[in-house]
Amino acid sequence: MRSLLVLLVFVVACGGAEPPKPSADVAATAIVAADTQKVDLGAVKTALPPAVSDSFVAPAKTPRIRIENIPDAPDPLMEAVQREEGISRFCYQEFGQKSDPKLVGAVALVVVFDAGKIWSARVGADDWSSKAGKAVNECLVDKAPQAWKLLPGAKVAPGRYVVQLRFRPT
């Protein structure tokens, strides 16, 4: 009984102690538990504006540049050109648009294909909005034969083919 009386005097003298605060680990555990509860995402309200209708407008078609007696590139070759579009885009942006940001045009490259690879490329015809297009042509003639590789097993008959490329600012 005496110990109970001592405890009561101690509590009254101290004015009552505050309960101990939980440690940071206990608080973090409580937050994690709250964040891992399942929530129906379909019921979540957003502050996003409503979607607008599609604003894409197809560019006007650039007329094809015709080169007499040379056929257009077959599909496997054009797939290689499209797959390695980065080299064409590089030539256009680095050698054309840096000189003329509004450069628009088209080029028809004549490529010589044999033994499964492009041996050479030359400009058969071009149509550029400024002289900056000539630098794009030079880059393409230099880099395209190295970049445009057919997929293994793709078949293209040996010969000369026209690869049509069109460029416009994005």
Protein backbone atom coordinates (compact mmCIF):
# COMPACT_ATOMS: atom_id res chain seq x y z
CA MET A 1 0.00 0.00 0.00
CA ARG A 2 2.88 2.25 0.77
CA SER A 3 4.25 1.83 -2.76
CA LEU A 4 0.88 2.80 -4.21
CA LEU A 5 0.90 5.95 -2.12
CA VAL A 6 4.44 6.82 -3.26
CA LEU A 7 3.42 6.32 -6.87
CA LEU A 8 0.39 8.57 -6.41
CA VAL A 9 2.52 11.32 -4.82
CA PHE A 10 5.04 11.02 -7.67
CA VAL A 11 2.35 11.36 -10.37
CA VAL A 12 0.78 14.38 -8.63
CA ALA A 13 4.18 16.02 -8.10
CA CYS A 14 5.20 15.62 -11.72
CA GLY A 15 1.92 17.00 -12.98
CA GLY A 16 1.23 13.91 -14.98
CA ALA A 17 3.59 12.79 -17.68
CA GLU A 18 2.70 12.97 -21.35
CA PRO A 19 2.40 9.66 -23.06
CA PRO A 20 5.54 8.73 -24.94
CA LYS A 21 5.58 9.77 -28.60
CA PRO A 22 5.85 6.94 -31.05
CA SER A 23 9.26 6.54 -32.66
CA ALA A 24 9.80 7.44 -36.31
CA ASP A 25 9.71 3.76 -37.24
CA VAL A 26 6.23 3.34 -35.74
CA ALA A 27 4.98 6.49 -37.55
CA ALA A 28 6.46 5.31 -40.86
CA THR A 29 4.83 1.92 -40.45
CA ALA A 30 1.46 3.60 -39.94
CA ILE A 31 1.92 5.69 -43.11
CA VAL A 32 2.97 2.69 -45.19
CA ALA A 33 -0.02 0.74 -43.95
CA ALA A 34 -2.31 3.57 -45.06
CA ASP A 35 -0.64 3.80 -48.51
CA THR A 36 -0.95 0.10 -49.27
CA GLN A 37 -4.68 -0.17 -48.86
CA LYS A 38 -6.66 -1.13 -51.94
CA VAL A 39 -8.36 1.76 -53.71
CA ASP A 40 -10.88 1.64 -56.55
CA LEU A 41 -9.08 3.78 -59.16
CA GLY A 42 -12.26 4.08 -61.19
CA ALA A 43 -13.74 6.18 -58.40
CA VAL A 44 -10.80 8.60 -58.20
CA LYS A 45 -11.71 12.10 -59.36
CA THR A 46 -9.13 14.01 -61.42
CA ALA A 47 -8.52 17.67 -62.04
CA LEU A 48 -7.54 17.11 -65.68
CA PRO A 49 -9.30 19.08 -68.40
CA PRO A 50 -11.49 17.08 -70.78
CA ALA A 51 -9.80 15.54 -73.79
CA VAL A 52 -9.86 17.56 -76.99
CA SER A 53 -10.61 16.09 -80.35
CA ASP A 54 -7.65 14.83 -82.35
CA SER A 55 -5.69 17.79 -83.69
CA PHE A 56 -3.57 15.80 -86.15
CA VAL A 57 -3.68 17.08 -89.70
CA ALA A 58 -2.07 14.93 -92.34
CA PRO A 59 0.55 16.83 -94.30
CA ALA A 60 -0.11 17.55 -97.93
CA LYS A 61 1.38 14.86 -100.11
CA THR A 62 4.64 15.78 -101.77
CA PRO A 63 4.59 14.66 -105.39
CA ARG A 64 6.79 11.67 -106.12
CA ILE A 65 9.99 12.44 -107.91
CA ARG A 66 10.17 10.25 -110.99
CA ILE A 67 13.41 8.89 -112.35
CA GLU A 68 13.03 7.23 -115.72
CA ASN A 69 13.65 3.49 -116.07
CA ILE A 70 14.58 2.90 -112.42
CA PRO A 71 12.00 1.04 -110.30
CA ASP A 72 11.00 2.08 -106.80
CA ALA A 73 12.74 0.20 -103.99
CA PRO A 74 11.12 -3.14 -103.10
CA ASP A 75 9.39 -3.59 -99.73
CA PRO A 76 12.30 -5.25 -97.84
CA LEU A 77 14.58 -2.35 -98.79
CA MET A 78 11.97 0.26 -97.83
CA GLU A 79 11.47 -1.52 -94.50
CA ALA A 80 15.21 -1.08 -93.84
CA VAL A 81 14.94 2.61 -94.75
CA GLN A 82 11.98 3.07 -92.37
CA ARG A 83 13.59 1.02 -89.60
CA GLU A 84 16.74 3.16 -89.80
CA GLU A 85 14.83 6.43 -90.17
CA GLY A 86 17.15 7.98 -87.59
CA ILE A 87 19.94 8.45 -90.12
CA SER A 88 17.62 10.30 -92.52
CA ARG A 89 16.26 12.42 -89.67
CA PHE A 90 19.85 13.14 -88.50
CA CYS A 91 20.89 14.37 -91.94
CA TYR A 92 17.77 16.53 -92.24
CA GLN A 93 18.04 18.10 -88.79
CA GLU A 94 21.82 18.50 -88.53
CA PHE A 95 22.63 19.54 -92.09
CA GLY A 96 19.37 21.10 -93.24
CA GLN A 97 17.33 22.54 -90.40
CA LYS A 98 20.32 24.06 -88.62
CA SER A 99 20.80 26.24 -91.70
CA ASP A 100 17.10 26.64 -92.54
CA PRO A 101 14.64 25.73 -89.75
CA LYS A 102 11.71 25.81 -92.20
CA LEU A 103 13.38 23.51 -94.75
CA VAL A 104 10.91 21.31 -96.62
CA GLY A 105 11.64 18.95 -99.46
CA ALA A 106 12.07 15.57 -101.01
CA VAL A 107 14.92 13.61 -102.44
CA ALA A 108 15.01 10.52 -104.64
CA LEU A 109 18.11 8.49 -103.98
CA VAL A 110 19.22 5.93 -106.54
CA VAL A 111 20.81 3.03 -104.69
CA VAL A 112 22.80 0.17 -106.17
CA PHE A 113 21.94 -3.07 -104.41
CA ASP A 114 23.88 -6.31 -104.82
CA ALA A 115 25.03 -9.25 -102.68
CA GLY A 116 22.60 -8.34 -99.89
CA LYS A 117 23.72 -4.74 -99.34
CA ILE A 118 23.66 -1.23 -100.74
CA TRP A 119 26.92 -0.50 -102.52
CA SER A 120 26.31 3.13 -103.37
CA ALA A 121 23.77 5.91 -103.35
CA ARG A 122 23.44 9.03 -105.44
CA VAL A 123 20.84 11.78 -105.72
CA GLY A 124 18.67 11.11 -108.74
CA ALA A 125 16.51 14.17 -108.20
CA ASP A 126 15.54 16.52 -105.39
CA ASP A 127 13.08 19.29 -104.62
CA TRP A 128 14.06 21.50 -101.65
CA SER A 129 12.68 24.80 -100.44
CA SER A 130 16.22 26.23 -100.03
CA LYS A 131 19.87 25.53 -100.75
CA ALA A 132 20.23 23.90 -97.32
CA GLY A 133 18.76 20.76 -98.88
CA LYS A 134 21.99 20.14 -100.81
CA ALA A 135 23.83 19.46 -97.53
CA VAL A 136 21.11 16.98 -96.56
CA ASN A 137 21.65 15.22 -99.90
CA GLU A 138 25.40 14.92 -99.28
CA CYS A 139 24.84 13.46 -95.81
CA LEU A 140 22.32 10.92 -97.12
CA VAL A 141 24.61 9.83 -99.96
CA ASP A 142 27.41 9.33 -97.44
CA LYS A 143 25.55 7.65 -94.57
CA ALA A 144 22.56 5.78 -96.05
CA PRO A 145 24.46 2.84 -97.60
CA GLN A 146 26.05 2.06 -94.24
CA ALA A 147 22.83 2.43 -92.24
CA TRP A 148 20.19 0.75 -94.40
CA LYS A 149 20.66 -2.98 -93.76
CA LEU A 150 18.16 -5.67 -94.72
CA LEU A 151 16.86 -8.07 -92.10
CA PRO A 152 18.39 -11.54 -92.25
CA GLY A 153 16.54 -13.64 -94.81
CA ALA A 154 15.08 -10.66 -96.69
CA LYS A 155 15.45 -11.00 -100.44
CA VAL A 156 16.04 -8.17 -102.90
CA ALA A 157 17.19 -8.77 -106.45
CA PRO A 158 20.42 -7.05 -107.45
CA GLY A 159 19.89 -3.78 -109.29
CA ARG A 160 19.32 -0.05 -109.06
CA TYR A 161 16.33 1.24 -107.09
CA VAL A 162 14.82 4.61 -106.20
CA VAL A 163 14.29 5.41 -102.51
CA GLN A 164 11.92 8.35 -102.04
CA LEU A 165 12.39 10.46 -98.89
CA ARG A 166 10.29 13.46 -97.82
CA PHE A 167 11.14 15.95 -95.11
CA ARG A 168 9.24 18.69 -93.30
CA PRO A 169 9.63 20.37 -89.91
CA THR A 170 7.82 18.69 -87.03
